[in-house]
């Protein structure tokens, strides 16, 4: 079980996907007492001016991940999300 104290801004972690169960990679952008805030870094979806959406991966996604402020949606992970045993903090050794 993880707590927000286990995370620092800039840490990356892998967690089960929000809807599809696939694992997704995240970067911490803020740490609170009971929550962390993170942006998804393995795949980025952005809204275009014409109302459509575009999806980017890898190096193509990097420009959208610079911030704050970020050009992508930040997600809040609360205590219940952090209790998931499948959530793994990624280190430089991984």
PDB file of N, CA and C in Angstrom:
ATOM      1  N   UNK A   1       0.845  -1.183   0.000  1.00  0.00           N
ATOM      2  CA  UNK A   1       0.000   0.000   0.000  1.00  0.00           C
ATOM      3  C   UNK A   1       0.887   1.241   0.000  1.00  0.00           C
ATOM      4  N   UNK A   2       0.591   2.165  -0.884  1.00  0.00           N
ATOM      5  CA  UNK A   2       1.338   3.413  -0.984  1.00  0.00           C
ATOM      6  C   UNK A   2       0.560   4.532  -0.288  1.00  0.00           C
ATOM      7  N   UNK A   3       1.288   5.539   0.159  1.00  0.00           N
ATOM      8  CA  UNK A   3       0.688   6.756   0.692  1.00  0.00           C
ATOM      9  C   UNK A   3       1.296   7.932  -0.072  1.00  0.00           C
ATOM     10  N   UNK A   4       0.676   9.101  -0.022  1.00  0.00           N
ATOM     11  CA  UNK A   4       1.275  10.246  -0.714  1.00  0.00           C
ATOM     12  C   UNK A   4       2.716  10.526  -0.284  1.00  0.00           C
ATOM     13  N   UNK A   5       3.067  10.185   0.950  1.00  0.00           N
ATOM     14  CA  UNK A   5       4.433  10.416   1.435  1.00  0.00           C
ATOM     15  C   UNK A   5       5.466   9.594   0.664  1.00  0.00           C
ATOM     16  N   UNK A   6       5.027   8.550  -0.036  1.00  0.00           N
ATOM     17  CA  UNK A   6       5.933   7.716  -0.831  1.00  0.00           C
ATOM     18  C   UNK A   6       6.315   8.381  -2.153  1.00  0.00           C
ATOM     19  N   UNK A   7       5.659   9.489  -2.510  1.00  0.00           N
ATOM     20  CA  UNK A   7       5.842  10.127  -3.812  1.00  0.00           C
ATOM     21  C   UNK A   7       6.478  11.503  -3.677  1.00  0.00           C
ATOM     22  N   UNK A   8       7.188  11.897  -4.722  1.00  0.00           N
ATOM     23  CA  UNK A   8       7.732  13.250  -4.851  1.00  0.00           C
ATOM     24  C   UNK A   8       7.354  13.774  -6.232  1.00  0.00           C
ATOM     25  N   UNK A   9       7.270  15.082  -6.359  1.00  0.00           N
ATOM     26  CA  UNK A   9       6.984  15.674  -7.662  1.00  0.00           C
ATOM     27  C   UNK A   9       8.060  15.229  -8.648  1.00  0.00           C
ATOM     28  N   UNK A  10       7.628  14.783  -9.821  1.00  0.00           N
ATOM     29  CA  UNK A  10       8.539  14.288 -10.852  1.00  0.00           C
ATOM     30  C   UNK A  10       8.687  12.780 -10.870  1.00  0.00           C
ATOM     31  N   UNK A  11       8.300  12.093  -9.774  1.00  0.00           N
ATOM     32  CA  UNK A  11       8.332  10.627  -9.769  1.00  0.00           C
ATOM     33  C   UNK A  11       7.395  10.093 -10.841  1.00  0.00           C
ATOM     34  N   UNK A  12       7.734   8.938 -11.387  1.00  0.00           N
ATOM     35  CA  UNK A  12       6.833   8.266 -12.319  1.00  0.00           C
ATOM     36  C   UNK A  12       6.394   6.946 -11.706  1.00  0.00           C
ATOM     37  N   UNK A  13       5.165   6.552 -12.032  1.00  0.00           N
ATOM     38  CA  UNK A  13       4.642   5.291 -11.526  1.00  0.00           C
ATOM     39  C   UNK A  13       3.765   4.646 -12.585  1.00  0.00           C
ATOM     40  N   UNK A  14       3.571   3.354 -12.415  1.00  0.00           N
ATOM     41  CA  UNK A  14       2.727   2.570 -13.311  1.00  0.00           C
ATOM     42  C   UNK A  14       1.521   2.117 -12.498  1.00  0.00           C
ATOM     43  N   UNK A  15       0.335   2.248 -13.107  1.00  0.00           N
ATOM     44  CA  UNK A  15      -0.901   1.885 -12.424  1.00  0.00           C
ATOM     45  C   UNK A  15      -1.863   1.257 -13.415  1.00  0.00           C
ATOM     46  N   UNK A  16      -2.809   0.438 -12.901  1.00  0.00           N
ATOM     47  CA  UNK A  16      -3.838  -0.090 -13.796  1.00  0.00           C
ATOM     48  C   UNK A  16      -4.604   1.063 -14.436  1.00  0.00           C
ATOM     49  N   UNK A  17      -5.005   0.893 -15.690  1.00  0.00           N
ATOM     50  CA  UNK A  17      -5.697   1.948 -16.428  1.00  0.00           C
ATOM     51  C   UNK A  17      -6.990   2.371 -15.772  1.00  0.00           C
ATOM     52  N   UNK A  18      -7.402   3.603 -16.069  1.00  0.00           N
ATOM     53  CA  UNK A  18      -8.608   4.143 -15.463  1.00  0.00           C
ATOM     54  C   UNK A  18      -9.853   3.368 -15.873  1.00  0.00           C
ATOM     55  N   UNK A  19      -9.931   2.930 -17.114  1.00  0.00           N
ATOM     56  CA  UNK A  19     -11.147   2.275 -17.584  1.00  0.00           C
ATOM     57  C   UNK A  19     -10.902   0.884 -18.146  1.00  0.00           C
ATOM     58  N   UNK A  20      -9.766   0.681 -18.797  1.00  0.00           N
ATOM     59  CA  UNK A  20      -9.594  -0.556 -19.555  1.00  0.00           C
ATOM     60  C   UNK A  20      -8.738  -1.607 -18.866  1.00  0.00           C
ATOM     61  N   UNK A  21      -8.188  -1.314 -17.698  1.00  0.00           N
ATOM     62  CA  UNK A  21      -7.381  -2.294 -16.990  1.00  0.00           C
ATOM     63  C   UNK A  21      -5.960  -2.423 -17.494  1.00  0.00           C
ATOM     64  N   UNK A  22      -5.627  -1.784 -18.611  1.00  0.00           N
ATOM     65  CA  UNK A  22      -4.253  -1.789 -19.109  1.00  0.00           C
ATOM     66  C   UNK A  22      -3.403  -0.917 -18.187  1.00  0.00           C
ATOM     67  N   UNK A  23      -2.132  -1.266 -18.055  1.00  0.00           N
ATOM     68  CA  UNK A  23      -1.261  -0.453 -17.217  1.00  0.00           C
ATOM     69  C   UNK A  23      -0.870   0.823 -17.946  1.00  0.00           C
ATOM     70  N   UNK A  24      -0.851   1.928 -17.214  1.00  0.00           N
ATOM     71  CA  UNK A  24      -0.519   3.232 -17.762  1.00  0.00           C
ATOM     72  C   UNK A  24       0.576   3.864 -16.910  1.00  0.00           C
ATOM     73  N   UNK A  25       1.371   4.732 -17.533  1.00  0.00           N
ATOM     74  CA  UNK A  25       2.489   5.372 -16.832  1.00  0.00           C
ATOM     75  C   UNK A  25       2.143   6.834 -16.550  1.00  0.00           C
ATOM     76  N   UNK A  26       2.475   7.286 -15.337  1.00  0.00           N
ATOM     77  CA  UNK A  26       2.101   8.605 -14.853  1.00  0.00           C
ATOM     78  C   UNK A  26       3.309   9.327 -14.263  1.00  0.00           C
ATOM     79  N   UNK A  27       3.268  10.671 -14.285  1.00  0.00           N
ATOM     80  CA  UNK A  27       4.301  11.498 -13.645  1.00  0.00           C
ATOM     81  C   UNK A  27       3.617  12.390 -12.607  1.00  0.00           C
ATOM     82  N   UNK A  28       4.144  12.383 -11.383  1.00  0.00           N
ATOM     83  CA  UNK A  28       3.569  13.151 -10.282  1.00  0.00           C
ATOM     84  C   UNK A  28       3.820  14.644 -10.497  1.00  0.00           C
ATOM     85  N   UNK A  29       2.739  15.443 -10.383  1.00  0.00           N
ATOM     86  CA  UNK A  29       2.847  16.893 -10.532  1.00  0.00           C
ATOM     87  C   UNK A  29       2.571  17.630  -9.228  1.00  0.00           C
ATOM     88  N   UNK A  30       1.959  16.946  -8.253  1.00  0.00           N
ATOM     89  CA  UNK A  30       1.694  17.562  -6.952  1.00  0.00           C
ATOM     90  C   UNK A  30       1.453  16.455  -5.931  1.00  0.00           C
ATOM     91  N   UNK A  31       1.838  16.722  -4.697  1.00  0.00           N
ATOM     92  CA  UNK A  31       1.653  15.763  -3.607  1.00  0.00           C
ATOM     93  C   UNK A  31       0.932  16.472  -2.471  1.00  0.00           C
ATOM     94  N   UNK A  32      -0.181  15.884  -2.037  1.00  0.00           N
ATOM     95  CA  UNK A  32      -0.927  16.439  -0.916  1.00  0.00           C
ATOM     96  C   UNK A  32      -0.852  15.518   0.285  1.00  0.00           C
ATOM     97  N   UNK A  33      -1.648  15.814   1.283  1.00  0.00           N
ATOM     98  CA  UNK A  33      -1.678  14.999   2.490  1.00  0.00           C
ATOM     99  C   UNK A  33      -2.336  13.651   2.231  1.00  0.00           C
ATOM    100  N   UNK A  34      -3.420  13.655   1.429  1.00  0.00           N
ATOM    101  CA  UNK A  34      -4.155  12.416   1.175  1.00  0.00           C
ATOM    102  C   UNK A  34      -4.254  12.060  -0.296  1.00  0.00           C
ATOM    103  N   UNK A  35      -3.683  12.876  -1.174  1.00  0.00           N
ATOM    104  CA  UNK A  35      -3.782  12.630  -2.615  1.00  0.00           C
ATOM    105  C   UNK A  35      -2.465  12.956  -3.307  1.00  0.00           C
ATOM    106  N   UNK A  36      -2.337  12.436  -4.528  1.00  0.00           N
ATOM    107  CA  UNK A  36      -1.298  12.912  -5.436  1.00  0.00           C
ATOM    108  C   UNK A  36      -1.999  13.309  -6.733  1.00  0.00           C
ATOM    109  N   UNK A  37      -1.367  14.186  -7.480  1.00  0.00           N
ATOM    110  CA  UNK A  37      -1.876  14.604  -8.781  1.00  0.00           C
ATOM    111  C   UNK A  37      -0.822  14.211  -9.801  1.00  0.00           C
ATOM    112  N   UNK A  38      -1.264  13.671 -10.943  1.00  0.00           N
ATOM    113  CA  UNK A  38      -0.305  13.186 -11.938  1.00  0.00           C
ATOM    114  C   UNK A  38      -0.852  13.367 -13.349  1.00  0.00           C
ATOM    115  N   UNK A  39       0.086  13.407 -14.306  1.00  0.00           N
ATOM    116  CA  UNK A  39      -0.269  13.437 -15.722  1.00  0.00           C
ATOM    117  C   UNK A  39       0.157  12.119 -16.348  1.00  0.00           C
ATOM    118  N   UNK A  40      -0.633  11.662 -17.293  1.00  0.00           N
ATOM    119  CA  UNK A  40      -0.287  10.431 -18.010  1.00  0.00           C
ATOM    120  C   UNK A  40       0.830  10.740 -19.000  1.00  0.00           C
ATOM    121  N   UNK A  41       1.870   9.904 -19.017  1.00  0.00           N
ATOM    122  CA  UNK A  41       3.025  10.192 -19.869  1.00  0.00           C
ATOM    123  C   UNK A  41       3.246   9.175 -20.980  1.00  0.00           C
ATOM    124  N   UNK A  42       2.597   8.026 -20.929  1.00  0.00           N
ATOM    125  CA  UNK A  42       2.817   7.029 -21.985  1.00  0.00           C
ATOM    126  C   UNK A  42       1.970   7.297 -23.223  1.00  0.00           C
ATOM    127  N   UNK A  43       0.889   8.037 -23.054  1.00  0.00           N
ATOM    128  CA  UNK A  43       0.015   8.398 -24.170  1.00  0.00           C
ATOM    129  C   UNK A  43      -0.676   9.708 -23.813  1.00  0.00           C
ATOM    130  N   UNK A  44      -0.662  10.646 -24.730  1.00  0.00           N
ATOM    131  CA  UNK A  44      -1.231  11.965 -24.484  1.00  0.00           C
ATOM    132  C   UNK A  44      -2.324  12.230 -25.512  1.00  0.00           C
ATOM    133  N   UNK A  45      -3.502  12.623 -25.033  1.00  0.00           N
ATOM    134  CA  UNK A  45      -4.592  13.015 -25.919  1.00  0.00           C
ATOM    135  C   UNK A  45      -4.865  14.495 -25.693  1.00  0.00           C
ATOM    136  N   UNK A  46      -4.844  15.258 -26.766  1.00  0.00           N
ATOM    137  CA  UNK A  46      -5.069  16.706 -26.671  1.00  0.00           C
ATOM    138  C   UNK A  46      -6.194  17.116 -27.615  1.00  0.00           C
ATOM    139  N   UNK A  47      -6.894  18.179 -27.226  1.00  0.00           N
ATOM    140  CA  UNK A  47      -7.954  18.738 -28.061  1.00  0.00           C
ATOM    141  C   UNK A  47      -7.339  19.684 -29.077  1.00  0.00           C
ATOM    142  N   UNK A  48      -7.787  19.568 -30.315  1.00  0.00           N
ATOM    143  CA  UNK A  48      -7.344  20.477 -31.377  1.00  0.00           C
ATOM    144  C   UNK A  48      -8.298  21.655 -31.464  1.00  0.00           C
ATOM    145  N   UNK A  49      -7.860  22.700 -32.158  1.00  0.00           N
ATOM    146  CA  UNK A  49      -8.684  23.902 -32.314  1.00  0.00           C
ATOM    147  C   UNK A  49      -9.997  23.616 -33.036  1.00  0.00           C
ATOM    148  N   UNK A  50     -10.010  22.602 -33.908  1.00  0.00           N
ATOM    149  CA  UNK A  50     -11.226  22.293 -34.668  1.00  0.00           C
ATOM    150  C   UNK A  50     -12.194  21.388 -33.901  1.00  0.00           C
ATOM    151  N   UNK A  51     -11.874  21.089 -32.626  1.00  0.00           N
ATOM    152  CA  UNK A  51     -12.745  20.263 -31.803  1.00  0.00           C
ATOM    153  C   UNK A  51     -12.414  18.790 -31.823  1.00  0.00           C
ATOM    154  N   UNK A  52     -11.552  18.363 -32.721  1.00  0.00           N
ATOM    155  CA  UNK A  52     -11.148  16.957 -32.755  1.00  0.00           C
ATOM    156  C   UNK A  52     -10.053  16.715 -31.712  1.00  0.00           C
ATOM    157  N   UNK A  53      -9.681  15.458 -31.557  1.00  0.00           N
ATOM    158  CA  UNK A  53      -8.622  15.099 -30.619  1.00  0.00           C
ATOM    159  C   UNK A  53      -7.486  14.419 -31.363  1.00  0.00           C
ATOM    160  N   UNK A  54      -6.289  14.575 -30.823  1.00  0.00           N
ATOM    161  CA  UNK A  54      -5.105  13.915 -31.372  1.00  0.00           C
ATOM    162  C   UNK A  54      -4.410  13.178 -30.236  1.00  0.00           C
ATOM    163  N   UNK A  55      -3.862  11.997 -30.541  1.00  0.00           N
ATOM    164  CA  UNK A  55      -3.157  11.192 -29.549  1.00  0.00           C
ATOM    165  C   UNK A  55      -1.700  11.068 -29.951  1.00  0.00           C
ATOM    166  N   UNK A  56      -0.815  11.248 -28.969  1.00  0.00           N
ATOM    167  CA  UNK A  56       0.625  11.188 -29.197  1.00  0.00           C
ATOM    168  C   UNK A  56       1.251  10.224 -28.198  1.00  0.00           C
ATOM    169  N   UNK A  57       2.335   9.569 -28.621  1.00  0.00           N
ATOM    170  CA  UNK A  57       3.070   8.649 -27.752  1.00  0.00           C
ATOM    171  C   UNK A  57       4.555   8.932 -27.872  1.00  0.00           C
ATOM    172  N   UNK A  58       5.318   8.479 -26.882  1.00  0.00           N
ATOM    173  CA  UNK A  58       6.774   8.573 -26.939  1.00  0.00           C
ATOM    174  C   UNK A  58       7.268  10.000 -27.046  1.00  0.00           C
ATOM    175  N   UNK A  59       8.293  10.197 -27.882  1.00  0.00           N
ATOM    176  CA  UNK A  59       8.910  11.515 -28.036  1.00  0.00           C
ATOM    177  C   UNK A  59       7.921  12.558 -28.548  1.00  0.00           C
ATOM    178  N   UNK A  60       6.942  12.142 -29.330  1.00  0.00           N
ATOM    179  CA  UNK A  60       5.953  13.084 -29.862  1.00  0.00           C
ATOM    180  C   UNK A  60       5.089  13.677 -28.748  1.00  0.00           C
ATOM    181  N   UNK A  61       4.959  12.962 -27.625  1.00  0.00           N
ATOM    182  CA  UNK A  61       4.143  13.437 -26.510  1.00  0.00           C
ATOM    183  C   UNK A  61       4.892  14.411 -25.605  1.00  0.00           C
ATOM    184  N   UNK A  62       6.217  14.375 -25.621  1.00  0.00           N
ATOM    185  CA  UNK A  62       7.034  15.144 -24.673  1.00  0.00           C
ATOM    186  C   UNK A  62       6.709  16.633 -24.612  1.00  0.00           C
ATOM    187  N   UNK A  63       6.496  17.335 -25.734  1.00  0.00           N
ATOM    188  CA  UNK A  63       6.206  18.776 -25.628  1.00  0.00           C
ATOM    189  C   UNK A  63       4.963  19.092 -24.790  1.00  0.00           C
ATOM    190  N   UNK A  64       4.013  18.182 -24.734  1.00  0.00           N
ATOM    191  CA  UNK A  64       2.782  18.402 -23.979  1.00  0.00           C
ATOM    192  C   UNK A  64       2.974  18.156 -22.485  1.00  0.00           C
ATOM    193  N   UNK A  65       4.101  17.549 -22.109  1.00  0.00           N
ATOM    194  CA  UNK A  65       4.341  17.158 -20.722  1.00  0.00           C
ATOM    195  C   UNK A  65       5.203  18.159 -19.969  1.00  0.00           C
ATOM    196  N   UNK A  66       5.552  19.254 -20.615  1.00  0.00           N
ATOM    197  CA  UNK A  66       6.366  20.282 -19.970  1.00  0.00           C
ATOM    198  C   UNK A  66       5.445  21.229 -19.205  1.00  0.00           C
ATOM    199  N   UNK A  67       5.805  21.559 -18.002  1.00  0.00           N
ATOM    200  CA  UNK A  67       4.975  22.464 -17.212  1.00  0.00           C
ATOM    201  C   UNK A  67       5.521  22.581 -15.813  1.00  0.00           C
ATOM    202  N   UNK A  68       4.798  23.151 -14.922  1.00  0.00           N
ATOM    203  CA  UNK A  68       3.442  23.638 -15.076  1.00  0.00           C
ATOM    204  C   UNK A  68       3.389  24.997 -15.761  1.00  0.00           C
ATOM    205  N   UNK A  69       2.239  25.376 -16.288  1.00  0.00           N
ATOM    206  CA  UNK A  69       1.033  24.571 -16.461  1.00  0.00           C
ATOM    207  C   UNK A  69       1.223  23.525 -17.554  1.00  0.00           C
ATOM    208  N   UNK A  70       0.467  22.456 -17.447  1.00  0.00           N
ATOM    209  CA  UNK A  70       0.567  21.343 -18.392  1.00  0.00           C
ATOM    210  C   UNK A  70      -0.503  21.462 -19.468  1.00  0.00           C
ATOM    211  N   UNK A  71      -0.191  20.953 -20.652  1.00  0.00           N
ATOM    212  CA  UNK A  71      -1.149  20.966 -21.757  1.00  0.00           C
ATOM    213  C   UNK A  71      -2.053  19.736 -21.755  1.00  0.00           C
ATOM    214  N   UNK A  72      -1.938  18.919 -20.727  1.00  0.00           N
ATOM    215  CA  UNK A  72      -2.750  17.705 -20.615  1.00  0.00           C
ATOM    216  C   UNK A  72      -3.484  17.720 -19.279  1.00  0.00           C
ATOM    217  N   UNK A  73      -4.513  16.908 -19.204  1.00  0.00           N
ATOM    218  CA  UNK A  73      -5.335  16.819 -18.011  1.00  0.00           C
ATOM    219  C   UNK A  73      -4.557  16.186 -16.862  1.00  0.00           C
ATOM    220  N   UNK A  74      -4.644  16.793 -15.683  1.00  0.00           N
ATOM    221  CA  UNK A  74      -4.056  16.201 -14.485  1.00  0.00           C
ATOM    222  C   UNK A  74      -5.133  15.364 -13.789  1.00  0.00           C
ATOM    223  N   UNK A  75      -4.734  14.199 -13.283  1.00  0.00           N
ATOM    224  CA  UNK A  75      -5.654  13.299 -12.589  1.00  0.00           C
ATOM    225  C   UNK A  75      -5.290  13.242 -11.112  1.00  0.00           C
ATOM    226  N   UNK A  76      -6.308  13.177 -10.266  1.00  0.00           N
ATOM    227  CA  UNK A  76      -6.099  13.061  -8.827  1.00  0.00           C
ATOM    228  C   UNK A  76      -6.205  11.591  -8.437  1.00  0.00           C
ATOM    229  N   UNK A  77      -5.209  11.108  -7.729  1.00  0.00           N
ATOM    230  CA  UNK A  77      -5.209   9.759  -7.172  1.00  0.00           C
ATOM    231  C   UNK A  77      -5.386   9.906  -5.666  1.00  0.00           C
ATOM    232  N   UNK A  78      -6.498   9.348  -5.144  1.00  0.00           N
ATOM    233  CA  UNK A  78      -6.761   9.483  -3.717  1.00  0.00           C
ATOM    234  C   UNK A  78      -6.279   8.254  -2.951  1.00  0.00           C
ATOM    235  N   UNK A  79      -6.571   8.233  -1.650  1.00  0.00           N
ATOM    236  CA  UNK A  79      -6.104   7.143  -0.795  1.00  0.00           C
ATOM    237  C   UNK A  79      -6.527   5.774  -1.319  1.00  0.00           C
ATOM    238  N   UNK A  80      -7.755   5.677  -1.815  1.00  0.00           N
ATOM    239  CA  UNK A  80      -8.240   4.394  -2.329  1.00  0.00           C
ATOM    240  C   UNK A  80      -7.443   3.953  -3.552  1.00  0.00           C
ATOM    241  N   UNK A  81      -7.136   4.885  -4.446  1.00  0.00           N
ATOM    242  CA  UNK A  81      -6.338   4.555  -5.634  1.00  0.00           C
ATOM    243  C   UNK A  81      -4.940   4.095  -5.240  1.00  0.00           C
ATOM    244  N   UNK A  82      -4.363   4.731  -4.237  1.00  0.00           N
ATOM    245  CA  UNK A  82      -2.992   4.429  -3.832  1.00  0.00           C
ATOM    246  C   UNK A  82      -2.878   3.096  -3.101  1.00  0.00           C
ATOM    247  N   UNK A  83      -4.002   2.552  -2.624  1.00  0.00           N
ATOM    248  CA  UNK A  83      -3.988   1.255  -1.943  1.00  0.00           C
ATOM    249  C   UNK A  83      -3.804   0.090  -2.906  1.00  0.00           C
ATOM    250  N   UNK A  84      -3.957   0.326  -4.199  1.00  0.00           N
ATOM    251  CA  UNK A  84      -3.849  -0.739  -5.196  1.00  0.00           C
ATOM    252  C   UNK A  84      -2.438  -1.325  -5.192  1.00  0.00           C
ATOM    253  N   UNK A  85      -2.340  -2.629  -4.936  1.00  0.00           N
ATOM    254  CA  UNK A  85      -1.034  -3.296  -4.885  1.00  0.00           C
ATOM    255  C   UNK A  85      -0.335  -3.301  -6.237  1.00  0.00           C
ATOM    256  N   UNK A  86      -1.080  -3.084  -7.332  1.00  0.00           N
ATOM    257  CA  UNK A  86      -0.487  -3.089  -8.667  1.00  0.00           C
ATOM    258  C   UNK A  86       0.185  -1.765  -9.020  1.00  0.00           C
ATOM    259  N   UNK A  87       0.003  -0.732  -8.200  1.00  0.00           N
ATOM    260  CA  UNK A  87       0.628   0.561  -8.452  1.00  0.00           C
ATOM    261  C   UNK A  87       2.104   0.472  -8.056  1.00  0.00           C
ATOM    262  N   UNK A  88       2.999   0.765  -8.997  1.00  0.00           N
ATOM    263  CA  UNK A  88       4.437   0.604  -8.770  1.00  0.00           C
ATOM    264  C   UNK A  88       5.162   1.892  -9.132  1.00  0.00           C
ATOM    265  N   UNK A  89       5.952   2.414  -8.196  1.00  0.00           N
ATOM    266  CA  UNK A  89       6.791   3.575  -8.481  1.00  0.00           C
ATOM    267  C   UNK A  89       7.954   3.109  -9.339  1.00  0.00           C
ATOM    268  N   UNK A  90       8.205   3.822 -10.430  1.00  0.00           N
ATOM    269  CA  UNK A  90       9.263   3.462 -11.372  1.00  0.00           C
ATOM    270  C   UNK A  90      10.543   4.180 -10.962  1.00  0.00           C
ATOM    271  N   UNK A  91      11.632   3.429 -10.908  1.00  0.00           N
ATOM    272  CA  UNK A  91      12.928   4.027 -10.595  1.00  0.00           C
ATOM    273  C   UNK A  91      13.788   4.024 -11.849  1.00  0.00           C
ATOM    274  N   UNK A  92      14.910   4.710 -11.785  1.00  0.00           N
ATOM    275  CA  UNK A  92      15.827   4.744 -12.925  1.00  0.00           C
ATOM    276  C   UNK A  92      16.364   3.363 -13.260  1.00  0.00           C
ATOM    277  N   UNK A  93      16.306   2.439 -12.300  1.00  0.00           N
ATOM    278  CA  UNK A  93      16.814   1.084 -12.515  1.00  0.00           C
ATOM    279  C   UNK A  93      15.842   0.211 -13.289  1.00  0.00           C
ATOM    280  N   UNK A  94      14.545   0.636 -13.381  1.00  0.00           N
ATOM    281  CA  UNK A  94      13.512  -0.200 -14.020  1.00  0.00           C
ATOM    282  C   UNK A  94      13.590  -0.159 -15.521  1.00  0.00           C
TER     283      UNK A  94
END
